Protein backbone atom coordinates (compact mmCIF):
# COMPACT_ATOMS: atom_id res chain seq x y z
CA MET A 1 92.41 101.35 95.19
CA LEU A 2 95.81 100.35 96.46
CA PRO A 3 96.80 97.02 97.97
CA ASP A 4 96.72 96.84 101.79
CA THR A 5 100.52 96.56 101.92
CA VAL A 6 101.26 99.89 100.19
CA LYS A 7 102.98 102.66 102.14
CA ILE A 8 102.79 106.23 100.87
CA ALA A 9 105.68 108.51 101.76
CA PHE A 10 106.87 111.99 100.98
CA GLU A 11 109.87 113.95 102.10
CA THR A 12 110.39 117.68 102.01
CA ARG A 13 113.64 118.90 100.49
CA ASN A 14 114.46 122.61 100.59
CA GLN A 15 111.26 124.22 101.79
CA PRO A 16 108.72 123.53 104.51
CA ALA A 17 105.40 121.97 103.54
CA LEU A 18 101.89 121.84 104.94
CA LEU A 19 100.22 118.44 105.12
CA ILE A 20 96.42 118.60 105.32
CA GLY A 21 94.45 115.47 106.24
CA ASP A 22 90.79 115.21 105.32
CA GLY A 23 90.65 118.96 104.74
CA GLN A 24 90.87 119.65 108.47
CA THR A 25 93.98 118.39 110.24
CA LYS A 26 97.06 120.46 109.38
CA LEU A 27 100.68 119.51 110.05
CA ASN A 28 103.69 121.71 109.35
CA VAL A 29 106.51 119.63 107.85
CA ALA A 30 110.04 120.98 108.15
CA PRO A 31 112.66 120.57 105.40
CA GLY A 32 114.18 117.09 105.59
CA GLU A 33 111.24 115.53 107.44
CA ARG A 34 109.64 112.40 106.00
CA ILE A 35 105.97 111.46 106.35
CA VAL A 36 104.83 107.85 105.87
CA THR A 37 101.26 106.56 105.96
CA GLN A 38 99.93 103.04 105.69
CA LYS A 39 96.84 100.98 106.40
CA ALA A 40 96.03 100.64 110.09
CA ASP A 41 95.41 97.28 111.75
CA TYR A 42 91.96 98.45 112.82
CA THR A 43 88.92 100.33 111.51
CA ILE A 44 87.32 103.34 113.14
CA GLN A 45 83.66 103.86 113.90
CA ILE A 46 81.98 107.16 113.03
CA HIS A 47 78.51 107.63 114.47
CA GLY A 48 78.01 103.88 114.76
CA LYS A 49 79.16 103.16 111.19
CA SER A 50 82.51 102.05 109.84
CA PHE A 51 84.63 104.60 107.99
CA LEU A 52 84.15 102.64 104.76
CA GLN A 53 80.37 102.61 105.21
CA THR A 54 80.44 106.38 105.78
CA LEU A 55 82.37 106.82 102.50
CA ARG A 56 79.93 104.56 100.68
CA ASN A 57 77.04 106.67 101.91
CA LYS A 58 78.70 110.01 101.14
CA PHE A 59 79.83 109.08 97.66
CA HIS A 60 76.93 106.76 96.80
CA TRP A 61 79.24 103.80 96.26
CA GLY A 62 77.73 100.34 95.89
CA GLY A 63 78.71 97.40 98.05
């Protein structure tokens, strides 16, 4: 786990890249583009459950 304040970034250099989120969403990234992700100020609900609860159920995490 990372602290809530961490930002993850990557930047393409000489070749294009393909960013895939959650195995479904695909984004073409051109050379020189920079992608930054960080914790949102909100949580999402999936089928009436929080995203974290969905992960706990899928991966059999305690808590």
